[in-house]
Amino acid sequence: MKNLLGCLGGIITYLGYITISLLVMCILAWWLCNIDPDKTYTWYSGIWQGMFTIPNWIRSLFFSNVLYKANLYTAGYNFWWLIMLIFSVLGIIGGGRGR
């Protein structure tokens, strides 16, 4: 029983870390790269918005006016947005800690 409680405590702690991390990332995404639907974005914005695609996507689940990719963009934006999205996903899969 003691092992079960310890395992449950570890799971709850881990879920707490994930929740706090996602909350911080969503606040940073709102502050640094909130996407205006009427603005055309270039390659530089593609880098930032690509890094924050996942937090912006999570925000878009709760708020209907939040975009995770711009409606109006250049080819450079599209390229860098995709590259940074791939790096973000690989960072999540690979983890942030040294093993």
PDB file of N, CA and C in Angstrom:
ATOM      1  N   MET A   1       0.818  -1.192   0.000  1.00  0.00           N
ATOM      2  CA  MET A   1       0.000   0.000   0.000  1.00  0.00           C
ATOM      3  C   MET A   1       0.864   1.259   0.000  1.00  0.00           C
ATOM      4  N   LYS A   2       1.966   1.195   0.737  1.00  0.00           N
ATOM      5  CA  LYS A   2       2.862   2.353   0.818  1.00  0.00           C
ATOM      6  C   LYS A   2       3.482   2.654  -0.545  1.00  0.00           C
ATOM      7  N   ASN A   3       3.840   1.602  -1.297  1.00  0.00           N
ATOM      8  CA  ASN A   3       4.400   1.796  -2.636  1.00  0.00           C
ATOM      9  C   ASN A   3       3.377   2.413  -3.586  1.00  0.00           C
ATOM     10  N   LEU A   4       2.132   2.001  -3.447  1.00  0.00           N
ATOM     11  CA  LEU A   4       1.069   2.540  -4.288  1.00  0.00           C
ATOM     12  C   LEU A   4       0.866   4.030  -4.024  1.00  0.00           C
ATOM     13  N   LEU A   5       0.885   4.425  -2.755  1.00  0.00           N
ATOM     14  CA  LEU A   5       0.732   5.839  -2.401  1.00  0.00           C
ATOM     15  C   LEU A   5       1.929   6.653  -2.892  1.00  0.00           C
ATOM     16  N   GLY A   6       3.112   6.081  -2.802  1.00  0.00           N
ATOM     17  CA  GLY A   6       4.300   6.770  -3.298  1.00  0.00           C
ATOM     18  C   GLY A   6       4.246   6.967  -4.807  1.00  0.00           C
ATOM     19  N   CYS A   7       3.785   5.950  -5.513  1.00  0.00           N
ATOM     20  CA  CYS A   7       3.647   6.035  -6.970  1.00  0.00           C
ATOM     21  C   CYS A   7       2.585   7.058  -7.344  1.00  0.00           C
ATOM     22  N   LEU A   8       1.466   7.042  -6.637  1.00  0.00           N
ATOM     23  CA  LEU A   8       0.396   8.004  -6.893  1.00  0.00           C
ATOM     24  C   LEU A   8       0.870   9.430  -6.620  1.00  0.00           C
ATOM     25  N   GLY A   9       1.630   9.607  -5.546  1.00  0.00           N
ATOM     26  CA  GLY A   9       2.196  10.926  -5.237  1.00  0.00           C
ATOM     27  C   GLY A   9       3.141  11.394  -6.324  1.00  0.00           C
ATOM     28  N   GLY A  10       3.935  10.494  -6.864  1.00  0.00           N
ATOM     29  CA  GLY A  10       4.844  10.843  -7.958  1.00  0.00           C
ATOM     30  C   GLY A  10       4.098  11.251  -9.210  1.00  0.00           C
ATOM     31  N   ILE A  11       3.035  10.546  -9.521  1.00  0.00           N
ATOM     32  CA  ILE A  11       2.225  10.871 -10.702  1.00  0.00           C
ATOM     33  C   ILE A  11       1.578  12.241 -10.547  1.00  0.00           C
ATOM     34  N   ILE A  12       1.031  12.508  -9.357  1.00  0.00           N
ATOM     35  CA  ILE A  12       0.400  13.809  -9.106  1.00  0.00           C
ATOM     36  C   ILE A  12       1.427  14.930  -9.191  1.00  0.00           C
ATOM     37  N   THR A  13       2.606  14.708  -8.646  1.00  0.00           N
ATOM     38  CA  THR A  13       3.672  15.718  -8.724  1.00  0.00           C
ATOM     39  C   THR A  13       4.066  15.969 -10.168  1.00  0.00           C
ATOM     40  N   TYR A  14       4.226  14.912 -10.942  1.00  0.00           N
ATOM     41  CA  TYR A  14       4.595  15.044 -12.347  1.00  0.00           C
ATOM     42  C   TYR A  14       3.529  15.804 -13.130  1.00  0.00           C
ATOM     43  N   LEU A  15       2.252  15.469 -12.895  1.00  0.00           N
ATOM     44  CA  LEU A  15       1.162  16.182 -13.573  1.00  0.00           C
ATOM     45  C   LEU A  15       1.124  17.650 -13.153  1.00  0.00           C
ATOM     46  N   GLY A  16       1.462  17.928 -11.913  1.00  0.00           N
ATOM     47  CA  GLY A  16       1.540  19.317 -11.455  1.00  0.00           C
ATOM     48  C   GLY A  16       2.625  20.083 -12.186  1.00  0.00           C
ATOM     49  N   TYR A  17       3.798  19.460 -12.368  1.00  0.00           N
ATOM     50  CA  TYR A  17       4.881  20.102 -13.114  1.00  0.00           C
ATOM     51  C   TYR A  17       4.471  20.378 -14.559  1.00  0.00           C
ATOM     52  N   ILE A  18       3.809  19.423 -15.182  1.00  0.00           N
ATOM     53  CA  ILE A  18       3.363  19.599 -16.565  1.00  0.00           C
ATOM     54  C   ILE A  18       2.351  20.740 -16.655  1.00  0.00           C
ATOM     55  N   THR A  19       1.397  20.772 -15.731  1.00  0.00           N
ATOM     56  CA  THR A  19       0.371  21.810 -15.740  1.00  0.00           C
ATOM     57  C   THR A  19       0.977  23.198 -15.540  1.00  0.00           C
ATOM     58  N   ILE A  20       1.880  23.326 -14.580  1.00  0.00           N
ATOM     59  CA  ILE A  20       2.522  24.621 -14.332  1.00  0.00           C
ATOM     60  C   ILE A  20       3.361  25.029 -15.534  1.00  0.00           C
ATOM     61  N   SER A  21       4.095  24.093 -16.127  1.00  0.00           N
ATOM     62  CA  SER A  21       4.911  24.405 -17.303  1.00  0.00           C
ATOM     63  C   SER A  21       4.051  24.877 -18.472  1.00  0.00           C
ATOM     64  N   LEU A  22       2.939  24.184 -18.719  1.00  0.00           N
ATOM     65  CA  LEU A  22       2.036  24.589 -19.810  1.00  0.00           C
ATOM     66  C   LEU A  22       1.414  25.948 -19.540  1.00  0.00           C
ATOM     67  N   LEU A  23       1.057  26.206 -18.301  1.00  0.00           N
ATOM     68  CA  LEU A  23       0.485  27.499 -17.953  1.00  0.00           C
ATOM     69  C   LEU A  23       1.483  28.625 -18.190  1.00  0.00           C
ATOM     70  N   VAL A  24       2.724  28.428 -17.775  1.00  0.00           N
ATOM     71  CA  VAL A  24       3.766  29.435 -18.001  1.00  0.00           C
ATOM     72  C   VAL A  24       4.008  29.631 -19.489  1.00  0.00           C
ATOM     73  N   MET A  25       4.064  28.544 -20.251  1.00  0.00           N
ATOM     74  CA  MET A  25       4.283  28.656 -21.697  1.00  0.00           C
ATOM     75  C   MET A  25       3.120  29.377 -22.382  1.00  0.00           C
ATOM     76  N   CYS A  26       1.893  29.134 -21.945  1.00  0.00           N
ATOM     77  CA  CYS A  26       0.736  29.817 -22.537  1.00  0.00           C
ATOM     78  C   CYS A  26       0.767  31.307 -22.231  1.00  0.00           C
ATOM     79  N   ILE A  27       1.181  31.667 -21.031  1.00  0.00           N
ATOM     80  CA  ILE A  27       1.301  33.093 -20.690  1.00  0.00           C
ATOM     81  C   ILE A  27       2.399  33.739 -21.525  1.00  0.00           C
ATOM     82  N   LEU A  28       3.534  33.066 -21.679  1.00  0.00           N
ATOM     83  CA  LEU A  28       4.616  33.596 -22.527  1.00  0.00           C
ATOM     84  C   LEU A  28       4.165  33.726 -23.983  1.00  0.00           C
ATOM     85  N   ALA A  29       3.434  32.742 -24.473  1.00  0.00           N
ATOM     86  CA  ALA A  29       2.943  32.797 -25.852  1.00  0.00           C
ATOM     87  C   ALA A  29       2.002  33.979 -26.043  1.00  0.00           C
ATOM     88  N   TRP A  30       1.153  34.230 -25.070  1.00  0.00           N
ATOM     89  CA  TRP A  30       0.233  35.363 -25.154  1.00  0.00           C
ATOM     90  C   TRP A  30       1.002  36.672 -25.124  1.00  0.00           C
ATOM     91  N   TRP A  31       2.037  36.738 -24.295  1.00  0.00           N
ATOM     92  CA  TRP A  31       2.806  37.973 -24.131  1.00  0.00           C
ATOM     93  C   TRP A  31       3.738  38.219 -25.318  1.00  0.00           C
ATOM     94  N   LEU A  32       4.425  37.198 -25.798  1.00  0.00           N
ATOM     95  CA  LEU A  32       5.450  37.384 -26.823  1.00  0.00           C
ATOM     96  C   LEU A  32       4.936  37.279 -28.257  1.00  0.00           C
ATOM     97  N   CYS A  33       3.974  36.428 -28.504  1.00  0.00           N
ATOM     98  CA  CYS A  33       3.582  36.227 -29.904  1.00  0.00           C
ATOM     99  C   CYS A  33       2.103  35.941 -30.076  1.00  0.00           C
ATOM    100  N   ASN A  34       1.291  36.834 -29.608  1.00  0.00           N
ATOM    101  CA  ASN A  34      -0.133  36.753 -29.875  1.00  0.00           C
ATOM    102  C   ASN A  34      -0.348  37.125 -31.348  1.00  0.00           C
ATOM    103  N   ILE A  35      -1.073  36.342 -32.097  1.00  0.00           N
ATOM    104  CA  ILE A  35      -1.175  36.499 -33.542  1.00  0.00           C
ATOM    105  C   ILE A  35      -2.393  37.349 -33.903  1.00  0.00           C
ATOM    106  N   ASP A  36      -2.130  38.410 -34.670  1.00  0.00           N
ATOM    107  CA  ASP A  36      -3.193  39.281 -35.178  1.00  0.00           C
ATOM    108  C   ASP A  36      -3.679  38.705 -36.513  1.00  0.00           C
ATOM    109  N   PRO A  37      -4.970  38.376 -36.650  1.00  0.00           N
ATOM    110  CA  PRO A  37      -5.449  37.729 -37.880  1.00  0.00           C
ATOM    111  C   PRO A  37      -5.415  38.640 -39.111  1.00  0.00           C
ATOM    112  N   ASP A  38      -5.303  39.950 -38.932  1.00  0.00           N
ATOM    113  CA  ASP A  38      -5.314  40.882 -40.064  1.00  0.00           C
ATOM    114  C   ASP A  38      -3.924  41.348 -40.477  1.00  0.00           C
ATOM    115  N   LYS A  39      -2.878  40.816 -39.860  1.00  0.00           N
ATOM    116  CA  LYS A  39      -1.509  41.233 -40.146  1.00  0.00           C
ATOM    117  C   LYS A  39      -0.784  40.150 -40.943  1.00  0.00           C
ATOM    118  N   THR A  40       0.045  40.579 -41.910  1.00  0.00           N
ATOM    119  CA  THR A  40       0.872  39.639 -42.672  1.00  0.00           C
ATOM    120  C   THR A  40       2.204  39.471 -41.948  1.00  0.00           C
ATOM    121  N   TYR A  41       2.586  38.225 -41.712  1.00  0.00           N
ATOM    122  CA  TYR A  41       3.801  37.930 -40.955  1.00  0.00           C
ATOM    123  C   TYR A  41       4.908  37.435 -41.880  1.00  0.00           C
ATOM    124  N   THR A  42       6.159  37.770 -41.513  1.00  0.00           N
ATOM    125  CA  THR A  42       7.339  37.393 -42.302  1.00  0.00           C
ATOM    126  C   THR A  42       8.130  36.313 -41.576  1.00  0.00           C
ATOM    127  N   TRP A  43       9.303  36.013 -42.111  1.00  0.00           N
ATOM    128  CA  TRP A  43      10.113  34.903 -41.628  1.00  0.00           C
ATOM    129  C   TRP A  43      10.463  35.024 -40.153  1.00  0.00           C
ATOM    130  N   TYR A  44      10.761  36.230 -39.687  1.00  0.00           N
ATOM    131  CA  TYR A  44      11.165  36.413 -38.295  1.00  0.00           C
ATOM    132  C   TYR A  44      10.025  36.029 -37.347  1.00  0.00           C
ATOM    133  N   SER A  45       8.820  36.409 -37.695  1.00  0.00           N
ATOM    134  CA  SER A  45       7.653  36.029 -36.884  1.00  0.00           C
ATOM    135  C   SER A  45       7.420  34.528 -36.947  1.00  0.00           C
ATOM    136  N   GLY A  46       7.763  33.906 -38.060  1.00  0.00           N
ATOM    137  CA  GLY A  46       7.625  32.460 -38.186  1.00  0.00           C
ATOM    138  C   GLY A  46       8.481  31.714 -37.177  1.00  0.00           C
ATOM    139  N   ILE A  47       9.660  32.261 -36.874  1.00  0.00           N
ATOM    140  CA  ILE A  47      10.533  31.639 -35.871  1.00  0.00           C
ATOM    141  C   ILE A  47       9.856  31.661 -34.506  1.00  0.00           C
ATOM    142  N   TRP A  48       9.398  32.835 -34.087  1.00  0.00           N
ATOM    143  CA  TRP A  48       8.773  32.973 -32.767  1.00  0.00           C
ATOM    144  C   TRP A  48       7.461  32.203 -32.679  1.00  0.00           C
ATOM    145  N   GLN A  49       6.636  32.354 -33.681  1.00  0.00           N
ATOM    146  CA  GLN A  49       5.333  31.702 -33.623  1.00  0.00           C
ATOM    147  C   GLN A  49       5.455  30.190 -33.774  1.00  0.00           C
ATOM    148  N   GLY A  50       6.481  29.727 -34.460  1.00  0.00           N
ATOM    149  CA  GLY A  50       6.733  28.292 -34.544  1.00  0.00           C
ATOM    150  C   GLY A  50       7.153  27.707 -33.206  1.00  0.00           C
ATOM    151  N   MET A  51       7.960  28.478 -32.447  1.00  0.00           N
ATOM    152  CA  MET A  51       8.375  28.015 -31.121  1.00  0.00           C
ATOM    153  C   MET A  51       7.193  27.912 -30.167  1.00  0.00           C
ATOM    154  N   PHE A  52       6.211  28.785 -30.353  1.00  0.00           N
ATOM    155  CA  PHE A  52       5.078  28.822 -29.436  1.00  0.00           C
ATOM    156  C   PHE A  52       3.798  28.265 -30.062  1.00  0.00           C
ATOM    157  N   THR A  53       3.917  27.403 -31.062  1.00  0.00           N
ATOM    158  CA  THR A  53       2.738  26.829 -31.698  1.00  0.00           C
ATOM    159  C   THR A  53       1.931  25.971 -30.734  1.00  0.00           C
ATOM    160  N   ILE A  54       2.594  25.125 -29.986  1.00  0.00           N
ATOM    161  CA  ILE A  54       1.880  24.224 -29.084  1.00  0.00           C
ATOM    162  C   ILE A  54       1.155  24.998 -27.973  1.00  0.00           C
ATOM    163  N   PRO A  55       1.815  25.956 -27.292  1.00  0.00           N
ATOM    164  CA  PRO A  55       1.053  26.736 -26.306  1.00  0.00           C
ATOM    165  C   PRO A  55      -0.082  27.543 -26.944  1.00  0.00           C
ATOM    166  N   ASN A  56       0.139  28.093 -28.138  1.00  0.00           N
ATOM    167  CA  ASN A  56      -0.938  28.821 -28.809  1.00  0.00           C
ATOM    168  C   ASN A  56      -2.064  27.877 -29.211  1.00  0.00           C
ATOM    169  N   TRP A  57      -1.734  26.651 -29.595  1.00  0.00           N
ATOM    170  CA  TRP A  57      -2.765  25.675 -29.923  1.00  0.00           C
ATOM    171  C   TRP A  57      -3.595  25.334 -28.683  1.00  0.00           C
ATOM    172  N   ILE A  58      -2.914  25.173 -27.537  1.00  0.00           N
ATOM    173  CA  ILE A  58      -3.624  24.901 -26.286  1.00  0.00           C
ATOM    174  C   ILE A  58      -4.526  26.080 -25.931  1.00  0.00           C
ATOM    175  N   ARG A  59      -4.022  27.300 -26.113  1.00  0.00           N
ATOM    176  CA  ARG A  59      -4.846  28.485 -25.855  1.00  0.00           C
ATOM    177  C   ARG A  59      -6.049  28.528 -26.788  1.00  0.00           C
ATOM    178  N   SER A  60      -5.862  28.093 -28.044  1.00  0.00           N
ATOM    179  CA  SER A  60      -6.962  28.131 -29.010  1.00  0.00           C
ATOM    180  C   SER A  60      -8.078  27.145 -28.654  1.00  0.00           C
ATOM    181  N   LEU A  61      -7.770  26.133 -27.844  1.00  0.00           N
ATOM    182  CA  LEU A  61      -8.798  25.208 -27.392  1.00  0.00           C
ATOM    183  C   LEU A  61      -9.770  25.875 -26.415  1.00  0.00           C
ATOM    184  N   PHE A  62      -9.287  26.884 -25.685  1.00  0.00           N
ATOM    185  CA  PHE A  62     -10.096  27.549 -24.680  1.00  0.00           C
ATOM    186  C   PHE A  62     -10.664  28.885 -25.147  1.00  0.00           C
ATOM    187  N   PHE A  63      -9.967  29.550 -26.072  1.00  0.00           N
ATOM    188  CA  PHE A  63     -10.383  30.863 -26.555  1.00  0.00           C
ATOM    189  C   PHE A  63     -10.520  30.811 -28.076  1.00  0.00           C
ATOM    190  N   SER A  64     -11.668  31.203 -28.596  1.00  0.00           N
ATOM    191  CA  SER A  64     -11.929  31.067 -30.035  1.00  0.00           C
ATOM    192  C   SER A  64     -11.162  32.075 -30.891  1.00  0.00           C
ATOM    193  N   ASN A  65     -10.695  33.169 -30.312  1.00  0.00           N
ATOM    194  CA  ASN A  65     -10.014  34.195 -31.100  1.00  0.00           C
ATOM    195  C   ASN A  65      -8.494  34.019 -31.136  1.00  0.00           C
ATOM    196  N   VAL A  66      -7.965  32.947 -30.581  1.00  0.00           N
ATOM    197  CA  VAL A  66      -6.520  32.705 -30.546  1.00  0.00           C
ATOM    198  C   VAL A  66      -6.129  31.841 -31.740  1.00  0.00           C
ATOM    199  N   LEU A  67      -5.089  32.284 -32.461  1.00  0.00           N
ATOM    200  CA  LEU A  67      -4.568  31.520 -33.595  1.00  0.00           C
ATOM    201  C   LEU A  67      -3.238  30.886 -33.210  1.00  0.00           C
ATOM    202  N   TYR A  68      -2.951  29.707 -33.747  1.00  0.00           N
ATOM    203  CA  TYR A  68      -1.638  29.101 -33.544  1.00  0.00           C
ATOM    204  C   TYR A  68      -0.768  29.205 -34.791  1.00  0.00           C
ATOM    205  N   LYS A  69      -1.356  29.629 -35.905  1.00  0.00           N
ATOM    206  CA  LYS A  69      -0.604  29.948 -37.114  1.00  0.00           C
ATOM    207  C   LYS A  69      -1.317  31.113 -37.782  1.00  0.00           C
ATOM    208  N   ALA A  70      -0.524  32.042 -38.313  1.00  0.00           N
ATOM    209  CA  ALA A  70      -1.100  33.239 -38.919  1.00  0.00           C
ATOM    210  C   ALA A  70      -1.910  32.898 -40.165  1.00  0.00           C
ATOM    211  N   ASN A  71      -2.936  33.695 -40.405  1.00  0.00           N
ATOM    212  CA  ASN A  71      -3.735  33.538 -41.625  1.00  0.00           C
ATOM    213  C   ASN A  71      -3.004  34.101 -42.842  1.00  0.00           C
ATOM    214  N   LEU A  72      -2.321  35.211 -42.649  1.00  0.00           N
ATOM    215  CA  LEU A  72      -1.602  35.881 -43.736  1.00  0.00           C
ATOM    216  C   LEU A  72      -0.107  35.789 -43.452  1.00  0.00           C
ATOM    217  N   TYR A  73       0.628  35.131 -44.351  1.00  0.00           N
ATOM    218  CA  TYR A  73       2.054  34.936 -44.117  1.00  0.00           C
ATOM    219  C   TYR A  73       2.801  34.780 -45.433  1.00  0.00           C
ATOM    220  N   THR A  74       4.134  34.957 -45.345  1.00  0.00           N
ATOM    221  CA  THR A  74       4.999  34.801 -46.513  1.00  0.00           C
ATOM    222  C   THR A  74       5.531  33.365 -46.561  1.00  0.00           C
ATOM    223  N   ALA A  75       6.238  33.045 -47.640  1.00  0.00           N
ATOM    224  CA  ALA A  75       6.838  31.710 -47.767  1.00  0.00           C
ATOM    225  C   ALA A  75       7.909  31.501 -46.697  1.00  0.00           C
ATOM    226  N   GLY A  76       8.664  32.558 -46.376  1.00  0.00           N
ATOM    227  CA  GLY A  76       9.672  32.467 -45.319  1.00  0.00           C
ATOM    228  C   GLY A  76       9.052  32.169 -43.963  1.00  0.00           C
ATOM    229  N   TYR A  77       7.928  32.791 -43.693  1.00  0.00           N
ATOM    230  CA  TYR A  77       7.200  32.516 -42.448  1.00  0.00           C
ATOM    231  C   TYR A  77       6.830  31.042 -42.384  1.00  0.00           C
ATOM    232  N   ASN A  78       6.254  30.534 -43.444  1.00  0.00           N
ATOM    233  CA  ASN A  78       5.811  29.140 -43.479  1.00  0.00           C
ATOM    234  C   ASN A  78       6.982  28.186 -43.250  1.00  0.00           C
ATOM    235  N   PHE A  79       8.122  28.457 -43.904  1.00  0.00           N
ATOM    236  CA  PHE A  79       9.312  27.622 -43.755  1.00  0.00           C
ATOM    237  C   PHE A  79       9.795  27.617 -42.313  1.00  0.00           C
ATOM    238  N   TRP A  80      10.022  28.790 -41.713  1.00  0.00           N
ATOM    239  CA  TRP A  80      10.560  28.880 -40.368  1.00  0.00           C
ATOM    240  C   TRP A  80       9.567  28.422 -39.314  1.00  0.00           C
ATOM    241  N   TRP A  81       8.288  28.657 -39.564  1.00  0.00           N
ATOM    242  CA  TRP A  81       7.272  28.176 -38.637  1.00  0.00           C
ATOM    243  C   TRP A  81       7.325  26.649 -38.559  1.00  0.00           C
ATOM    244  N   LEU A  82       7.416  25.985 -39.697  1.00  0.00           N
ATOM    245  CA  LEU A  82       7.469  24.527 -39.732  1.00  0.00           C
ATOM    246  C   LEU A  82       8.747  23.993 -39.084  1.00  0.00           C
ATOM    247  N   ILE A  83       9.893  24.608 -39.374  1.00  0.00           N
ATOM    248  CA  ILE A  83      11.165  24.177 -38.783  1.00  0.00           C
ATOM    249  C   ILE A  83      11.104  24.284 -37.258  1.00  0.00           C
ATOM    250  N   MET A  84      10.632  25.414 -36.746  1.00  0.00           N
ATOM    251  CA  MET A  84      10.580  25.613 -35.297  1.00  0.00           C
ATOM    252  C   MET A  84       9.540  24.703 -34.647  1.00  0.00           C
ATOM    253  N   LEU A  85       8.453  24.415 -35.343  1.00  0.00           N
ATOM    254  CA  LEU A  85       7.470  23.477 -34.818  1.00  0.00           C
ATOM    255  C   LEU A  85       8.093  22.088 -34.678  1.00  0.00           C
ATOM    256  N   ILE A  86       8.854  21.660 -35.674  1.00  0.00           N
ATOM    257  CA  ILE A  86       9.533  20.360 -35.614  1.00  0.00           C
ATOM    258  C   ILE A  86      10.498  20.321 -34.442  1.00  0.00           C
ATOM    259  N   PHE A  87      11.303  21.386 -34.259  1.00  0.00           N
ATOM    260  CA  PHE A  87      12.235  21.428 -33.128  1.00  0.00           C
ATOM    261  C   PHE A  87      11.500  21.419 -31.796  1.00  0.00           C
ATOM    262  N   SER A  88      10.367  22.101 -31.714  1.00  0.00           N
ATOM    263  CA  SER A  88       9.590  22.117 -30.470  1.00  0.00           C
ATOM    264  C   SER A  88       9.066  20.726 -30.141  1.00  0.00           C
ATOM    265  N   VAL A  89       8.537  20.042 -31.133  1.00  0.00           N
ATOM    266  CA  VAL A  89       8.009  18.694 -30.907  1.00  0.00           C
ATOM    267  C   VAL A  89       9.135  17.735 -30.535  1.00  0.00           C
ATOM    268  N   LEU A  90      10.273  17.833 -31.216  1.00  0.00           N
ATOM    269  CA  LEU A  90      11.408  16.979 -30.876  1.00  0.00           C
ATOM    270  C   LEU A  90      11.917  17.270 -29.471  1.00  0.00           C
ATOM    271  N   GLY A  91      11.871  18.528 -29.053  1.00  0.00           N
ATOM    272  CA  GLY A  91      12.271  18.885 -27.693  1.00  0.00           C
ATOM    273  C   GLY A  91      11.342  18.274 -26.651  1.00  0.00           C
ATOM    274  N   ILE A  92      10.073  18.221 -26.970  1.00  0.00           N
ATOM    275  CA  ILE A  92       9.109  17.618 -26.043  1.00  0.00           C
ATOM    276  C   ILE A  92       9.318  16.110 -25.982  1.00  0.00           C
ATOM    277  N   ILE A  93       9.524  15.496 -27.127  1.00  0.00           N
ATOM    278  CA  ILE A  93       9.723  14.041 -27.166  1.00  0.00           C
ATOM    279  C   ILE A  93      11.024  13.648 -26.483  1.00  0.00           C
ATOM    280  N   GLY A  94      12.091  14.408 -26.783  1.00  0.00           N
ATOM    281  CA  GLY A  94      13.399  14.086 -26.224  1.00  0.00           C
ATOM    282  C   GLY A  94      13.556  14.468 -24.766  1.00  0.00           C
ATOM    283  N   GLY A  95      12.747  15.368 -24.286  1.00  0.00           N
ATOM    284  CA  GLY A  95      12.850  15.810 -22.903  1.00  0.00           C
ATOM    285  C   GLY A  95      13.865  16.926 -22.758  1.00  0.00           C
ATOM    286  N   GLY A  96      13.779  17.639 -21.694  1.00  0.00           N
ATOM    287  CA  GLY A  96      14.639  18.794 -21.478  1.00  0.00           C
ATOM    288  C   GLY A  96      15.795  18.527 -20.537  1.00  0.00           C
ATOM    289  N   ARG A  97      15.870  17.348 -19.984  1.00  0.00           N
ATOM    290  CA  ARG A  97      16.913  17.050 -18.998  1.00  0.00           C
ATOM    291  C   ARG A  97      17.959  16.131 -19.595  1.00  0.00           C
ATOM    292  N   GLY A  98      19.171  16.267 -19.112  1.00  0.00           N
ATOM    293  CA  GLY A  98      20.229  15.342 -19.513  1.00  0.00           C
ATOM    294  C   GLY A  98      19.968  13.969 -18.909  1.00  0.00           C
ATOM    295  N   ARG A  99      20.269  12.954 -19.668  1.00  0.00           N
ATOM    296  CA  ARG A  99      19.985  11.593 -19.165  1.00  0.00           C
ATOM    297  C   ARG A  99      21.254  10.834 -18.936  1.00  0.00           C
TER     298      ARG A  99
END
